[in-house]
Amino acid sequence: NALIAAKNRGVRVRYITGDEGANSALNNSDLNFT
């Protein structure tokens, strides 16, 4: 949510993860970064 807020205030947000990790926090309907 802090990353989402940063993107909303004009900060560039980029995110890399793996395909085997547990990343439930990225399943967010408000997610505004790739």
ModelCIF file with pLDDT and N, C-alpha, C, O atoms, coordinates in Angstrom:
data_MODEL
#
_entry.id   MODEL 
#
_entity.id                         1 
_entity.type                       polymer 
_entity.pdbx_number_of_molecules   1 
#
_entity_poly.entity_id                      1 
_entity_poly.type                           'polypeptide(L)' 
_entity_poly.nstd_linkage                   no 
_entity_poly.nstd_monomer                   no 
_entity_poly.pdbx_seq_one_letter_code       NALIAAKNRGVRVRYITGDEGANSALNNSDLNFT 
_entity_poly.pdbx_seq_one_letter_code_can   NALIAAKNRGVRVRYITGDEGANSALNNSDLNFT 
_entity_poly.pdbx_strand_id                 A 
#
loop_
_entity_poly_seq.entity_id 
_entity_poly_seq.num 
_entity_poly_seq.mon_id 
_entity_poly_seq.hetero 
1 1  ASN n 
1 2  ALA n 
1 3  LEU n 
1 4  ILE n 
1 5  ALA n 
1 6  ALA n 
1 7  LYS n 
1 8  ASN n 
1 9  ARG n 
1 10 GLY n 
1 11 VAL n 
1 12 ARG n 
1 13 VAL n 
1 14 ARG n 
1 15 TYR n 
1 16 ILE n 
1 17 THR n 
1 18 GLY n 
1 19 ASP n 
1 20 GLU n 
1 21 GLY n 
1 22 ALA n 
1 23 ASN n 
1 24 SER n 
1 25 ALA n 
1 26 LEU n 
1 27 ASN n 
1 28 ASN n 
1 29 SER n 
1 30 ASP n 
1 31 LEU n 
1 32 ASN n 
1 33 PHE n 
1 34 THR n 
#
_struct_asym.id          A 
_struct_asym.entity_id   1 
#
loop_
_ma_qa_metric.id 
_ma_qa_metric.mode 
_ma_qa_metric.name 
_ma_qa_metric.software_group_id 
_ma_qa_metric.type 
1 global pLDDT . pLDDT 
2 local  pLDDT . pLDDT 
#
_ma_qa_metric_global.metric_id      1 
_ma_qa_metric_global.metric_value   94.32 
_ma_qa_metric_global.model_id       1 
_ma_qa_metric_global.ordinal_id     1 
#
loop_
_ma_qa_metric_local.label_asym_id 
_ma_qa_metric_local.label_comp_id 
_ma_qa_metric_local.label_seq_id 
_ma_qa_metric_local.metric_id 
_ma_qa_metric_local.metric_value 
_ma_qa_metric_local.model_id 
_ma_qa_metric_local.ordinal_id 
A ASN 1  2 97.00 1 1  
A ALA 2  2 97.00 1 2  
A LEU 3  2 98.00 1 3  
A ILE 4  2 98.00 1 4  
A ALA 5  2 97.00 1 5  
A ALA 6  2 98.00 1 6  
A LYS 7  2 98.00 1 7  
A ASN 8  2 98.00 1 8  
A ARG 9  2 97.00 1 9  
A GLY 10 2 98.00 1 10 
A VAL 11 2 98.00 1 11 
A ARG 12 2 98.00 1 12 
A VAL 13 2 98.00 1 13 
A ARG 14 2 98.00 1 14 
A TYR 15 2 98.00 1 15 
A ILE 16 2 98.00 1 16 
A THR 17 2 96.00 1 17 
A GLY 18 2 89.00 1 18 
A ASP 19 2 81.00 1 19 
A GLU 20 2 75.00 1 20 
A GLY 21 2 70.00 1 21 
A ALA 22 2 87.00 1 22 
A ASN 23 2 94.00 1 23 
A SER 24 2 95.00 1 24 
A ALA 25 2 96.00 1 25 
A LEU 26 2 96.00 1 26 
A ASN 27 2 94.00 1 27 
A ASN 28 2 94.00 1 28 
A SER 29 2 94.00 1 29 
A ASP 30 2 95.00 1 30 
A LEU 31 2 97.00 1 31 
A ASN 32 2 97.00 1 32 
A PHE 33 2 97.00 1 33 
A THR 34 2 96.00 1 34 
#
loop_
_atom_site.group_PDB 
_atom_site.id 
_atom_site.type_symbol 
_atom_site.label_atom_id 
_atom_site.label_alt_id 
_atom_site.label_comp_id 
_atom_site.label_asym_id 
_atom_site.label_entity_id 
_atom_site.label_seq_id 
_atom_site.pdbx_PDB_ins_code 
_atom_site.Cartn_x 
_atom_site.Cartn_y 
_atom_site.Cartn_z 
_atom_site.occupancy 
_atom_site.B_iso_or_equiv 
_atom_site.pdbx_formal_charge 
_atom_site.auth_seq_id 
_atom_site.auth_comp_id 
_atom_site.auth_asym_id 
_atom_site.auth_atom_id 
_atom_site.pdbx_PDB_model_num 
ATOM 1   N N  . ASN A 1 1  ? 0.824  -1.208  0.000   1.00 97.00 ? 1  ASN A N  1 
ATOM 2   C CA . ASN A 1 1  ? 0.000  0.000   0.000   1.00 97.00 ? 1  ASN A CA 1 
ATOM 3   C C  . ASN A 1 1  ? 0.861  1.262   0.000   1.00 97.00 ? 1  ASN A C  1 
ATOM 4   O O  . ASN A 1 1  ? 0.492  2.269   -0.605  1.00 97.00 ? 1  ASN A O  1 
ATOM 5   N N  . ALA A 1 2  ? 2.014  1.207   0.681   1.00 97.00 ? 2  ALA A N  1 
ATOM 6   C CA . ALA A 1 2  ? 2.933  2.351   0.657   1.00 97.00 ? 2  ALA A CA 1 
ATOM 7   C C  . ALA A 1 2  ? 3.501  2.552   -0.742  1.00 97.00 ? 2  ALA A C  1 
ATOM 8   O O  . ALA A 1 2  ? 3.687  3.688   -1.177  1.00 97.00 ? 2  ALA A O  1 
ATOM 9   N N  . LEU A 1 3  ? 3.780  1.456   -1.455  1.00 98.00 ? 3  LEU A N  1 
ATOM 10  C CA . LEU A 1 3  ? 4.240  1.571   -2.842  1.00 98.00 ? 3  LEU A CA 1 
ATOM 11  C C  . LEU A 1 3  ? 3.146  2.164   -3.732  1.00 98.00 ? 3  LEU A C  1 
ATOM 12  O O  . LEU A 1 3  ? 3.430  2.998   -4.593  1.00 98.00 ? 3  LEU A O  1 
ATOM 13  N N  . ILE A 1 4  ? 1.900  1.738   -3.527  1.00 98.00 ? 4  ILE A N  1 
ATOM 14  C CA . ILE A 1 4  ? 0.773  2.282   -4.297  1.00 98.00 ? 4  ILE A CA 1 
ATOM 15  C C  . ILE A 1 4  ? 0.647  3.774   -4.052  1.00 98.00 ? 4  ILE A C  1 
ATOM 16  O O  . ILE A 1 4  ? 0.437  4.546   -4.988  1.00 98.00 ? 4  ILE A O  1 
ATOM 17  N N  . ALA A 1 5  ? 0.774  4.187   -2.786  1.00 97.00 ? 5  ALA A N  1 
ATOM 18  C CA . ALA A 1 5  ? 0.677  5.616   -2.452  1.00 97.00 ? 5  ALA A CA 1 
ATOM 19  C C  . ALA A 1 5  ? 1.824  6.399   -3.076  1.00 97.00 ? 5  ALA A C  1 
ATOM 20  O O  . ALA A 1 5  ? 1.634  7.527   -3.533  1.00 97.00 ? 5  ALA A O  1 
ATOM 21  N N  . ALA A 1 6  ? 3.017  5.801   -3.096  1.00 98.00 ? 6  ALA A N  1 
ATOM 22  C CA . ALA A 1 6  ? 4.153  6.485   -3.724  1.00 98.00 ? 6  ALA A CA 1 
ATOM 23  C C  . ALA A 1 6  ? 3.905  6.691   -5.206  1.00 98.00 ? 6  ALA A C  1 
ATOM 24  O O  . ALA A 1 6  ? 4.174  7.768   -5.738  1.00 98.00 ? 6  ALA A O  1 
ATOM 25  N N  . LYS A 1 7  ? 3.396  5.670   -5.876  1.00 98.00 ? 7  LYS A N  1 
ATOM 26  C CA . LYS A 1 7  ? 3.086  5.812   -7.301  1.00 98.00 ? 7  LYS A CA 1 
ATOM 27  C C  . LYS A 1 7  ? 2.037  6.897   -7.521  1.00 98.00 ? 7  LYS A C  1 
ATOM 28  O O  . LYS A 1 7  ? 2.118  7.657   -8.485  1.00 98.00 ? 7  LYS A O  1 
ATOM 29  N N  . ASN A 1 8  ? 1.063  6.968   -6.636  1.00 98.00 ? 8  ASN A N  1 
ATOM 30  C CA . ASN A 1 8  ? 0.009  7.986   -6.763  1.00 98.00 ? 8  ASN A CA 1 
ATOM 31  C C  . ASN A 1 8  ? 0.542  9.408   -6.597  1.00 98.00 ? 8  ASN A C  1 
ATOM 32  O O  . ASN A 1 8  ? -0.033 10.348  -7.145  1.00 98.00 ? 8  ASN A O  1 
ATOM 33  N N  . ARG A 1 9  ? 1.622  9.576   -5.855  1.00 97.00 ? 9  ARG A N  1 
ATOM 34  C CA . ARG A 1 9  ? 2.178  10.928  -5.683  1.00 97.00 ? 9  ARG A CA 1 
ATOM 35  C C  . ARG A 1 9  ? 3.283  11.227  -6.690  1.00 97.00 ? 9  ARG A C  1 
ATOM 36  O O  . ARG A 1 9  ? 3.992  12.224  -6.555  1.00 97.00 ? 9  ARG A O  1 
ATOM 37  N N  . GLY A 1 10 ? 3.435  10.358  -7.709  1.00 98.00 ? 10 GLY A N  1 
ATOM 38  C CA . GLY A 1 10 ? 4.341  10.647  -8.814  1.00 98.00 ? 10 GLY A CA 1 
ATOM 39  C C  . GLY A 1 10 ? 5.681  9.966   -8.757  1.00 98.00 ? 10 GLY A C  1 
ATOM 40  O O  . GLY A 1 10 ? 6.536  10.243  -9.599  1.00 98.00 ? 10 GLY A O  1 
ATOM 41  N N  . VAL A 1 11 ? 5.907  9.072   -7.786  1.00 98.00 ? 11 VAL A N  1 
ATOM 42  C CA . VAL A 1 11 ? 7.164  8.332   -7.703  1.00 98.00 ? 11 VAL A CA 1 
ATOM 43  C C  . VAL A 1 11 ? 7.108  7.144   -8.676  1.00 98.00 ? 11 VAL A C  1 
ATOM 44  O O  . VAL A 1 11 ? 6.103  6.435   -8.730  1.00 98.00 ? 11 VAL A O  1 
ATOM 45  N N  . ARG A 1 12 ? 8.163  6.931   -9.426  1.00 98.00 ? 12 ARG A N  1 
ATOM 46  C CA . ARG A 1 12 ? 8.223  5.759   -10.299 1.00 98.00 ? 12 ARG A CA 1 
ATOM 47  C C  . ARG A 1 12 ? 8.456  4.512   -9.446  1.00 98.00 ? 12 ARG A C  1 
ATOM 48  O O  . ARG A 1 12 ? 9.405  4.457   -8.664  1.00 98.00 ? 12 ARG A O  1 
ATOM 49  N N  . VAL A 1 13 ? 7.588  3.518   -9.599  1.00 98.00 ? 13 VAL A N  1 
ATOM 50  C CA . VAL A 1 13 ? 7.688  2.283   -8.826  1.00 98.00 ? 13 VAL A CA 1 
ATOM 51  C C  . VAL A 1 13 ? 7.844  1.112   -9.791  1.00 98.00 ? 13 VAL A C  1 
ATOM 52  O O  . VAL A 1 13 ? 7.022  0.925   -10.688 1.00 98.00 ? 13 VAL A O  1 
ATOM 53  N N  . ARG A 1 14 ? 8.903  0.327   -9.603  1.00 98.00 ? 14 ARG A N  1 
ATOM 54  C CA . ARG A 1 14 ? 9.128  -0.881  -10.395 1.00 98.00 ? 14 ARG A CA 1 
ATOM 55  C C  . ARG A 1 14 ? 9.392  -2.030  -9.426  1.00 98.00 ? 14 ARG A C  1 
ATOM 56  O O  . ARG A 1 14 ? 9.989  -1.832  -8.367  1.00 98.00 ? 14 ARG A O  1 
ATOM 57  N N  . TYR A 1 15 ? 8.946  -3.223  -9.790  1.00 98.00 ? 15 TYR A N  1 
ATOM 58  C CA . TYR A 1 15 ? 8.967  -4.342  -8.832  1.00 98.00 ? 15 TYR A CA 1 
ATOM 59  C C  . TYR A 1 15 ? 9.284  -5.634  -9.579  1.00 98.00 ? 15 TYR A C  1 
ATOM 60  O O  . TYR A 1 15 ? 8.673  -5.940  -10.603 1.00 98.00 ? 15 TYR A O  1 
ATOM 61  N N  . ILE A 1 16 ? 10.254 -6.389  -9.048  1.00 98.00 ? 16 ILE A N  1 
ATOM 62  C CA . ILE A 1 16 ? 10.605 -7.695  -9.599  1.00 98.00 ? 16 ILE A CA 1 
ATOM 63  C C  . ILE A 1 16 ? 10.464 -8.744  -8.504  1.00 98.00 ? 16 ILE A C  1 
ATOM 64  O O  . ILE A 1 16 ? 10.918 -8.548  -7.377  1.00 98.00 ? 16 ILE A O  1 
ATOM 65  N N  . THR A 1 17 ? 9.835  -9.850  -8.848  1.00 96.00 ? 17 THR A N  1 
ATOM 66  C CA . THR A 1 17 ? 9.733  -10.976 -7.929  1.00 96.00 ? 17 THR A CA 1 
ATOM 67  C C  . THR A 1 17 ? 9.960  -12.261 -8.709  1.00 96.00 ? 17 THR A C  1 
ATOM 68  O O  . THR A 1 17 ? 10.239 -12.223 -9.907  1.00 96.00 ? 17 THR A O  1 
ATOM 69  N N  . GLY A 1 18 ? 9.841  -13.398 -8.036  1.00 89.00 ? 18 GLY A N  1 
ATOM 70  C CA . GLY A 1 18 ? 9.996  -14.681 -8.699  1.00 89.00 ? 18 GLY A CA 1 
ATOM 71  C C  . GLY A 1 18 ? 8.657  -15.337 -8.930  1.00 89.00 ? 18 GLY A C  1 
ATOM 72  O O  . GLY A 1 18 ? 7.621  -14.843 -8.485  1.00 89.00 ? 18 GLY A O  1 
ATOM 73  N N  . ASP A 1 19 ? 8.689  -16.454 -9.629  1.00 81.00 ? 19 ASP A N  1 
ATOM 74  C CA . ASP A 1 19 ? 7.425  -17.123 -9.922  1.00 81.00 ? 19 ASP A CA 1 
ATOM 75  C C  . ASP A 1 19 ? 7.076  -18.170 -8.874  1.00 81.00 ? 19 ASP A C  1 
ATOM 76  O O  . ASP A 1 19 ? 5.982  -18.735 -8.908  1.00 81.00 ? 19 ASP A O  1 
ATOM 77  N N  . GLU A 1 20 ? 7.994  -18.439 -7.934  1.00 75.00 ? 20 GLU A N  1 
ATOM 78  C CA . GLU A 1 20 ? 7.728  -19.452 -6.921  1.00 75.00 ? 20 GLU A CA 1 
ATOM 79  C C  . GLU A 1 20 ? 7.479  -18.855 -5.548  1.00 75.00 ? 20 GLU A C  1 
ATOM 80  O O  . GLU A 1 20 ? 7.168  -19.591 -4.611  1.00 75.00 ? 20 GLU A O  1 
ATOM 81  N N  . GLY A 1 21 ? 7.606  -17.554 -5.403  1.00 70.00 ? 21 GLY A N  1 
ATOM 82  C CA . GLY A 1 21 ? 7.456  -16.925 -4.101  1.00 70.00 ? 21 GLY A CA 1 
ATOM 83  C C  . GLY A 1 21 ? 6.009  -16.810 -3.653  1.00 70.00 ? 21 GLY A C  1 
ATOM 84  O O  . GLY A 1 21 ? 5.077  -16.996 -4.434  1.00 70.00 ? 21 GLY A O  1 
ATOM 85  N N  . ALA A 1 22 ? 5.849  -16.497 -2.369  1.00 87.00 ? 22 ALA A N  1 
ATOM 86  C CA . ALA A 1 22 ? 4.523  -16.256 -1.789  1.00 87.00 ? 22 ALA A CA 1 
ATOM 87  C C  . ALA A 1 22 ? 4.280  -14.754 -1.796  1.00 87.00 ? 22 ALA A C  1 
ATOM 88  O O  . ALA A 1 22 ? 4.811  -14.031 -0.953  1.00 87.00 ? 22 ALA A O  1 
ATOM 89  N N  . ASN A 1 23 ? 3.481  -14.287 -2.744  1.00 94.00 ? 23 ASN A N  1 
ATOM 90  C CA . ASN A 1 23 ? 3.333  -12.846 -2.976  1.00 94.00 ? 23 ASN A CA 1 
ATOM 91  C C  . ASN A 1 23 ? 1.876  -12.415 -2.950  1.00 94.00 ? 23 ASN A C  1 
ATOM 92  O O  . ASN A 1 23 ? 1.399  -11.740 -3.862  1.00 94.00 ? 23 ASN A O  1 
ATOM 93  N N  . SER A 1 24 ? 1.179  -12.810 -1.901  1.00 95.00 ? 24 SER A N  1 
ATOM 94  C CA . SER A 1 24 ? -0.249 -12.503 -1.819  1.00 95.00 ? 24 SER A CA 1 
ATOM 95  C C  . SER A 1 24 ? -0.512 -11.004 -1.766  1.00 95.00 ? 24 SER A C  1 
ATOM 96  O O  . SER A 1 24 ? -1.576 -10.551 -2.188  1.00 95.00 ? 24 SER A O  1 
ATOM 97  N N  . ALA A 1 25 ? 0.451  -10.218 -1.246  1.00 96.00 ? 25 ALA A N  1 
ATOM 98  C CA . ALA A 1 25 ? 0.227  -8.770  -1.136  1.00 96.00 ? 25 ALA A CA 1 
ATOM 99  C C  . ALA A 1 25 ? 0.152  -8.098  -2.500  1.00 96.00 ? 25 ALA A C  1 
ATOM 100 O O  . ALA A 1 25 ? -0.379 -6.993  -2.617  1.00 96.00 ? 25 ALA A O  1 
ATOM 101 N N  . LEU A 1 26 ? 0.682  -8.758  -3.540  1.00 96.00 ? 26 LEU A N  1 
ATOM 102 C CA . LEU A 1 26 ? 0.608  -8.180  -4.882  1.00 96.00 ? 26 LEU A CA 1 
ATOM 103 C C  . LEU A 1 26 ? -0.743 -8.434  -5.542  1.00 96.00 ? 26 LEU A C  1 
ATOM 104 O O  . LEU A 1 26 ? -1.049 -7.856  -6.584  1.00 96.00 ? 26 LEU A O  1 
ATOM 105 N N  . ASN A 1 27 ? -1.545 -9.294  -4.936  1.00 94.00 ? 27 ASN A N  1 
ATOM 106 C CA . ASN A 1 27 ? -2.907 -9.526  -5.442  1.00 94.00 ? 27 ASN A CA 1 
ATOM 107 C C  . ASN A 1 27 ? -3.832 -8.456  -4.863  1.00 94.00 ? 27 ASN A C  1 
ATOM 108 O O  . ASN A 1 27 ? -4.676 -8.727  -4.009  1.00 94.00 ? 27 ASN A O  1 
ATOM 109 N N  . ASN A 1 28 ? -3.646 -7.256  -5.349  1.00 94.00 ? 28 ASN A N  1 
ATOM 110 C CA . ASN A 1 28 ? -4.322 -6.078  -4.795  1.00 94.00 ? 28 ASN A CA 1 
ATOM 111 C C  . ASN A 1 28 ? -5.039 -5.362  -5.937  1.00 94.00 ? 28 ASN A C  1 
ATOM 112 O O  . ASN A 1 28 ? -4.419 -4.998  -6.936  1.00 94.00 ? 28 ASN A O  1 
ATOM 113 N N  . SER A 1 29 ? -6.339 -5.162  -5.783  1.00 94.00 ? 29 SER A N  1 
ATOM 114 C CA . SER A 1 29 ? -7.124 -4.541  -6.854  1.00 94.00 ? 29 SER A CA 1 
ATOM 115 C C  . SER A 1 29 ? -6.713 -3.096  -7.111  1.00 94.00 ? 29 SER A C  1 
ATOM 116 O O  . SER A 1 29 ? -6.992 -2.547  -8.177  1.00 94.00 ? 29 SER A O  1 
ATOM 117 N N  . ASP A 1 30 ? -6.041 -2.471  -6.120  1.00 95.00 ? 30 ASP A N  1 
ATOM 118 C CA . ASP A 1 30 ? -5.588 -1.087  -6.282  1.00 95.00 ? 30 ASP A CA 1 
ATOM 119 C C  . ASP A 1 30 ? -4.173 -0.984  -6.831  1.00 95.00 ? 30 ASP A C  1 
ATOM 120 O O  . ASP A 1 30 ? -3.642 0.118   -6.964  1.00 95.00 ? 30 ASP A O  1 
ATOM 121 N N  . LEU A 1 31 ? -3.555 -2.116  -7.151  1.00 97.00 ? 31 LEU A N  1 
ATOM 122 C CA . LEU A 1 31 ? -2.171 -2.103  -7.614  1.00 97.00 ? 31 LEU A CA 1 
ATOM 123 C C  . LEU A 1 31 ? -2.056 -1.248  -8.874  1.00 97.00 ? 31 LEU A C  1 
ATOM 124 O O  . LEU A 1 31 ? -2.759 -1.478  -9.858  1.00 97.00 ? 31 LEU A O  1 
ATOM 125 N N  . ASN A 1 32 ? -1.158 -0.258  -8.833  1.00 97.00 ? 32 ASN A N  1 
ATOM 126 C CA . ASN A 1 32 ? -1.020 0.690   -9.941  1.00 97.00 ? 32 ASN A CA 1 
ATOM 127 C C  . ASN A 1 32 ? 0.381  0.671   -10.545 1.00 97.00 ? 32 ASN A C  1 
ATOM 128 O O  . ASN A 1 32 ? 0.732  1.560   -11.321 1.00 97.00 ? 32 ASN A O  1 
ATOM 129 N N  . PHE A 1 33 ? 1.182  -0.330  -10.196 1.00 97.00 ? 33 PHE A N  1 
ATOM 130 C CA . PHE A 1 33 ? 2.519  -0.453  -10.777 1.00 97.00 ? 33 PHE A CA 1 
ATOM 131 C C  . PHE A 1 33 ? 2.693  -1.869  -11.333 1.00 97.00 ? 33 PHE A C  1 
ATOM 132 O O  . PHE A 1 33 ? 2.034  -2.814  -10.899 1.00 97.00 ? 33 PHE A O  1 
ATOM 133 N N  . THR A 1 34 ? 3.593  -1.983  -12.297 1.00 96.00 ? 34 THR A N  1 
ATOM 134 C CA . THR A 1 34 ? 3.857  -3.273  -12.935 1.00 96.00 ? 34 THR A CA 1 
ATOM 135 C C  . THR A 1 34 ? 4.869  -4.060  -12.122 1.00 96.00 ? 34 THR A C  1 
ATOM 136 O O  . THR A 1 34 ? 5.225  -5.177  -12.495 1.00 96.00 ? 34 THR A O  1 
#
